[in-house]
Protein backbone atom coordinates (compact mmCIF):
# COMPACT_ATOMS: atom_id res chain seq x y z
CA MET A 1 -52.45 -0.42 36.19
CA LEU A 2 -49.83 -1.26 38.76
CA LEU A 3 -47.52 -4.20 38.08
CA PRO A 4 -46.42 -6.50 40.87
CA LYS A 5 -43.10 -5.56 42.47
CA SER A 6 -41.18 -8.46 40.83
CA HIS A 7 -42.36 -7.38 37.35
CA ARG A 8 -41.46 -3.77 38.04
CA ARG A 9 -37.92 -4.80 39.05
CA ARG A 10 -37.52 -6.92 35.92
CA SER A 11 -39.03 -4.23 33.75
CA GLY A 12 -36.70 -1.56 35.22
CA PHE A 13 -33.71 -3.85 34.83
CA LEU A 14 -34.62 -4.58 31.20
CA SER A 15 -35.18 -0.93 30.31
CA ARG A 16 -31.84 0.01 31.92
CA ARG A 17 -30.13 -2.80 29.94
CA ILE A 18 -31.76 -1.72 26.68
CA GLY A 19 -30.94 1.92 27.43
CA SER A 20 -27.33 0.98 28.14
CA ALA A 21 -27.10 -1.06 24.95
CA VAL A 22 -28.53 1.80 22.88
CA ALA A 23 -26.15 4.29 24.51
CA LEU A 24 -23.19 1.96 23.88
CA ALA A 25 -24.21 1.47 20.25
CA LEU A 26 -24.51 5.23 19.75
CA ALA A 27 -21.16 5.85 21.40
CA LEU A 28 -19.46 3.22 19.25
CA SER A 29 -21.01 4.51 16.06
CA CYS A 30 -19.95 8.06 16.93
CA ALA A 31 -16.45 6.93 17.77
CA THR A 32 -16.23 5.00 14.52
CA GLY A 33 -17.51 7.95 12.52
CA CYS A 34 -15.22 10.42 14.23
CA SER A 35 -12.15 8.25 14.02
CA SER A 36 -12.48 7.31 10.38
CA LYS A 37 -9.87 8.94 8.20
CA GLN A 38 -10.03 9.78 4.56
CA ASP A 39 -8.80 7.11 2.21
CA LEU A 40 -5.42 7.85 0.70
CA THR A 41 -4.81 7.69 -3.00
CA PRO A 42 -2.50 4.84 -4.04
CA SER A 43 0.29 7.38 -4.57
CA GLN A 44 -0.23 8.88 -1.09
CA GLN A 45 -0.37 5.39 0.41
CA ALA A 46 2.92 4.51 -1.29
CA GLN A 47 4.53 7.64 0.22
CA ALA A 48 3.15 6.84 3.67
CA ASP A 49 4.37 3.24 3.42
CA LEU A 50 7.80 4.41 2.28
CA ALA A 51 8.08 6.75 5.27
CA GLU A 52 7.05 3.89 7.57
CA TYR A 53 9.58 1.58 5.91
CA GLU A 54 12.37 4.10 6.43
CA MET A 55 11.38 4.43 10.08
CA GLN A 56 11.42 0.64 10.46
CA ILE A 57 14.86 0.44 8.82
CA ARG A 58 16.24 2.91 11.35
CA ARG A 59 14.57 1.02 14.20
CA ILE A 60 15.72 -2.46 13.13
CA ILE A 61 19.25 -1.70 11.89
CA PRO A 62 21.35 -0.53 14.83
CA ASP A 63 24.22 0.88 12.75
CA PRO A 64 23.26 4.36 11.46
CA ALA A 65 25.65 4.13 8.48
CA ARG A 66 24.11 0.84 7.30
CA ALA A 67 20.61 2.20 7.91
CA ASP A 68 21.43 5.32 5.85
CA GLN A 69 22.71 3.16 3.00
CA LEU A 70 19.61 0.97 3.06
CA VAL A 71 17.31 4.00 3.15
CA ALA A 72 19.12 5.49 0.13
CA LEU A 73 18.82 2.21 -1.78
CA THR A 74 15.17 1.89 -0.80
CA ASN A 75 14.53 5.38 -2.17
CA GLN A 76 16.31 4.43 -5.41
CA PHE A 77 14.21 1.28 -5.64
CA GLN A 78 11.03 3.29 -5.08
CA GLU A 79 12.03 5.80 -7.77
CA LEU A 80 12.64 2.89 -10.12
CA ALA A 81 9.20 1.50 -9.28
CA GLN A 82 7.56 4.88 -9.94
CA THR A 83 9.37 5.14 -13.28
CA SER A 84 8.18 1.66 -14.17
CA ILE A 85 4.60 2.51 -13.22
CA ALA A 86 4.74 5.59 -15.45
CA SER A 87 6.13 3.43 -18.26
CA VAL A 88 3.30 0.91 -17.92
CA ASN A 89 0.71 3.68 -17.94
CA GLU A 90 2.31 5.21 -21.04
CA TYR A 91 2.34 1.78 -22.69
CA ARG A 92 -1.37 1.34 -21.95
CA ALA A 93 -2.12 4.70 -23.57
CA LYS A 94 -0.08 3.78 -26.65
CA VAL A 95 -1.82 0.40 -26.98
CA SER A 96 -5.18 2.13 -26.69
CA ALA A 97 -4.17 4.67 -29.37
CA LEU A 98 -2.95 1.91 -31.67
CA ASN A 99 -6.09 -0.10 -31.06
CA SER A 100 -8.28 2.86 -32.04
CA ASN A 101 -6.21 3.49 -35.19
CA TYR A 102 -7.77 1.56 -38.03
CA GLU A 103 -4.59 1.95 -40.08
CA ALA A 104 -2.29 0.42 -37.41
CA THR A 105 -0.22 -2.46 -38.71
CA ARG A 106 1.13 -5.57 -37.12
CA ALA A 107 4.60 -3.98 -37.31
CA ASP A 108 3.30 -1.02 -35.24
CA TYR A 109 2.14 -3.41 -32.55
CA GLU A 110 5.33 -5.47 -32.65
CA ALA A 111 7.44 -2.32 -32.29
CA LEU A 112 5.41 -1.21 -29.28
CA PHE A 113 5.59 -4.67 -27.70
CA SER A 114 9.36 -4.73 -28.24
CA GLN A 115 9.74 -1.33 -26.57
CA GLN A 116 7.74 -2.49 -23.56
CA ASP A 117 9.67 -5.76 -23.35
CA ALA A 118 12.96 -3.80 -23.33
CA ALA A 119 11.65 -1.43 -20.64
CA ARG A 120 10.49 -4.37 -18.50
CA GLU A 121 13.82 -6.17 -18.92
CA ALA A 122 15.73 -3.01 -17.93
CA PHE A 123 13.51 -2.68 -14.85
CA PHE A 124 14.22 -6.25 -13.77
CA GLU A 125 17.96 -5.80 -14.21
CA LYS A 126 18.03 -2.56 -12.21
CA ALA A 127 15.66 -3.89 -9.53
CA GLY A 128 17.71 -7.07 -9.13
CA ALA A 129 20.95 -5.10 -8.82
CA LEU A 130 19.40 -2.77 -6.22
CA ARG A 131 18.05 -5.71 -4.23
CA GLU A 132 21.49 -7.35 -4.22
CA ARG A 133 23.00 -4.13 -2.89
CA MET A 134 20.25 -3.84 -0.25
CA VAL A 135 20.91 -7.35 1.03
CA VAL A 136 24.55 -6.45 1.69
CA PHE A 137 23.48 -3.94 4.35
CA THR A 138 21.23 -6.32 6.30
CA SER A 139 21.53 -9.57 8.18
CA ASP A 140 19.07 -12.38 7.48
CA ALA A 141 17.18 -11.53 10.66
CA GLU A 142 17.00 -7.81 9.81
CA TRP A 143 15.83 -8.56 6.27
CA GLU A 144 13.10 -10.83 7.63
CA GLN A 145 11.94 -8.15 10.08
CA LEU A 146 11.66 -5.63 7.24
CA ARG A 147 9.79 -8.06 4.97
CA ALA A 148 6.22 -7.25 6.08
CA VAL A 149 6.69 -3.51 5.66
CA HIS A 150 8.45 -4.05 2.33
CA LEU A 151 5.48 -6.09 1.08
CA ARG A 152 3.14 -3.19 1.94
CA LEU A 153 5.34 -0.93 -0.20
CA LEU A 154 5.06 -3.32 -3.12
CA GLU A 155 1.30 -3.62 -2.68
CA ALA A 156 0.95 0.17 -2.73
CA ASP A 157 2.99 0.28 -5.95
CA LEU A 158 0.78 -2.37 -7.51
CA GLN A 159 -2.31 -0.40 -6.49
CA GLN A 160 -0.98 2.53 -8.49
CA LEU A 161 -1.09 0.36 -11.57
CA LEU A 162 -4.81 -0.05 -11.03
CA GLU A 163 -5.46 3.71 -11.16
């Protein structure tokens, strides 16, 4: 059966549009599949964020000596964070072991809680001192520019606690 010329034009136009839409959808899905990267572990993400932060420091702080100092302090801060994460994970394991020990006493728990409180207090003291030293090497404007990248670093550290 032959369709009138106006229907054939519309029909051809529609099939070309549908064909184009399908081709575009396939191309986008292929591009999305090909461009997806493997998810990083929280530890790998923290390392990647630290490298980006160091790059941003060197970009934002024009004086190489100040930038070097801030990078060194940032690395110290990150080492402190990693030590704290390890401490929290060790604490969790000890609490779990105590909890599974039927013979554990209140004094056992209180001793463990005191140890963790002391470790947390030491972390806050060291972190505060490092932050004070870091501020010395930046202006208010530089510190504000580094804030977003610094928050990503902290988020990556917090993700490690969820492992």
